[in-house]
Amino acid sequence: MILEVAILNVKSGLSVDFEKAFKEAEKIICSMSGYISHQLQKCIETEDKYILLVRWETLEAHTKGFRTSPEYQDWKKLLHHFYDPFPTVEHYIEVEY
């Protein structure tokens, strides 16, 4: 399993609109091949800041499957105009010890 982590800095005052758009956008990501689950969490200390955690079966399910899909264009239209700066996305694997 791969964990996608994105820190989302939403433009000031647009959190309500962002959350509404995300409710629509999450339908897209949930339908993608290789998707497992996701969480959107709002920061307590910093207004208009969120973290998005998405679990994927493989890295390619996100980077190739989702990001190169026609559905990703709809995701972008719904969400990308809310961010400033644009989020950095990183991928993590569980440490086995």
Protein backbone atom coordinates (compact mmCIF):
# COMPACT_ATOMS: atom_id res chain seq x y z
CA MET A 1 0.00 0.00 0.00
CA ILE A 2 1.10 3.55 -0.79
CA LEU A 3 0.06 6.60 1.21
CA GLU A 4 -0.25 9.82 -0.77
CA VAL A 5 0.16 12.91 1.43
CA ALA A 6 -0.77 16.40 0.23
CA ILE A 7 -0.73 19.57 2.30
CA LEU A 8 -3.47 21.81 0.90
CA ASN A 9 -3.24 25.55 1.55
CA VAL A 10 -6.60 26.93 0.47
CA LYS A 11 -6.85 30.58 -0.48
CA SER A 12 -8.01 32.69 2.44
CA GLY A 13 -11.75 32.65 3.02
CA LEU A 14 -12.50 29.87 0.54
CA SER A 15 -12.62 26.90 2.92
CA VAL A 16 -16.40 26.50 2.79
CA ASP A 17 -16.39 26.51 -1.02
CA PHE A 18 -13.39 24.16 -1.08
CA GLU A 19 -15.09 21.64 1.23
CA LYS A 20 -18.22 21.72 -0.92
CA ALA A 21 -16.16 21.14 -4.08
CA PHE A 22 -14.21 18.36 -2.37
CA LYS A 23 -17.46 16.50 -1.59
CA GLU A 24 -18.05 16.39 -5.34
CA ALA A 25 -14.43 15.60 -6.21
CA GLU A 26 -14.15 12.71 -3.76
CA LYS A 27 -16.67 10.79 -5.87
CA ILE A 28 -14.09 10.89 -8.66
CA ILE A 29 -11.16 9.58 -6.66
CA CYS A 30 -13.23 6.88 -4.96
CA SER A 31 -14.09 5.43 -8.37
CA MET A 32 -10.49 5.05 -9.54
CA SER A 33 -8.78 1.71 -10.01
CA GLY A 34 -6.28 1.06 -7.22
CA TYR A 35 -7.93 3.48 -4.79
CA ILE A 36 -8.29 2.14 -1.24
CA SER A 37 -9.41 5.04 0.99
CA HIS A 38 -8.89 8.70 1.80
CA GLN A 39 -9.17 11.27 4.57
CA LEU A 40 -9.38 15.05 4.36
CA GLN A 41 -8.47 16.74 7.63
CA LYS A 42 -8.58 20.42 8.54
CA CYS A 43 -5.76 22.03 10.49
CA ILE A 44 -6.64 23.35 13.93
CA GLU A 45 -3.77 25.84 14.17
CA THR A 46 -3.84 27.30 10.66
CA GLU A 47 -7.06 28.49 9.07
CA ASP A 48 -7.68 27.33 5.49
CA LYS A 49 -5.09 24.52 5.71
CA TYR A 50 -5.86 20.84 5.12
CA ILE A 51 -4.09 17.53 4.74
CA LEU A 52 -5.27 14.96 2.24
CA LEU A 53 -4.29 11.34 2.83
CA VAL A 54 -5.07 8.84 0.10
CA ARG A 55 -4.26 5.14 0.23
CA TRP A 56 -3.49 3.49 -3.10
CA GLU A 57 -2.72 -0.13 -3.94
CA THR A 58 0.40 0.95 -5.88
CA LEU A 59 2.26 4.14 -6.70
CA GLU A 60 1.30 3.72 -10.35
CA ALA A 61 -2.41 3.63 -9.45
CA HIS A 62 -2.01 7.26 -8.42
CA THR A 63 0.72 8.61 -10.69
CA LYS A 64 -0.29 6.86 -13.90
CA GLY A 65 -3.82 5.57 -13.40
CA PHE A 66 -5.41 8.58 -11.72
CA ARG A 67 -3.23 11.45 -12.92
CA THR A 68 -3.40 10.45 -16.59
CA SER A 69 -7.12 9.68 -16.56
CA PRO A 70 -9.88 11.84 -18.06
CA GLU A 71 -11.42 11.92 -14.57
CA TYR A 72 -8.33 13.75 -13.30
CA GLN A 73 -9.22 16.68 -15.55
CA ASP A 74 -12.57 16.94 -13.73
CA TRP A 75 -10.74 16.72 -10.37
CA LYS A 76 -8.46 19.59 -11.44
CA LYS A 77 -11.39 21.76 -12.53
CA LEU A 78 -13.13 21.24 -9.20
CA LEU A 79 -10.16 21.78 -6.88
CA HIS A 80 -6.93 23.22 -8.28
CA HIS A 81 -8.07 26.86 -8.34
CA PHE A 82 -8.43 26.81 -4.53
CA TYR A 83 -4.72 26.29 -3.77
CA ASP A 84 -2.03 28.86 -3.05
CA PRO A 85 0.66 27.70 -3.26
CA PHE A 86 0.01 24.58 -5.29
CA PRO A 87 0.39 21.52 -3.05
CA THR A 88 3.41 19.30 -2.90
CA VAL A 89 2.40 15.66 -3.03
CA GLU A 90 4.56 12.93 -1.54
CA HIS A 91 4.17 9.16 -1.34
CA TYR A 92 5.02 6.96 1.64
CA ILE A 93 5.31 3.26 2.37
CA GLU A 94 4.98 1.61 5.74
CA VAL A 95 8.22 0.84 7.56
CA GLU A 96 8.56 -2.82 8.34
CA TYR A 97 10.59 -3.59 11.45
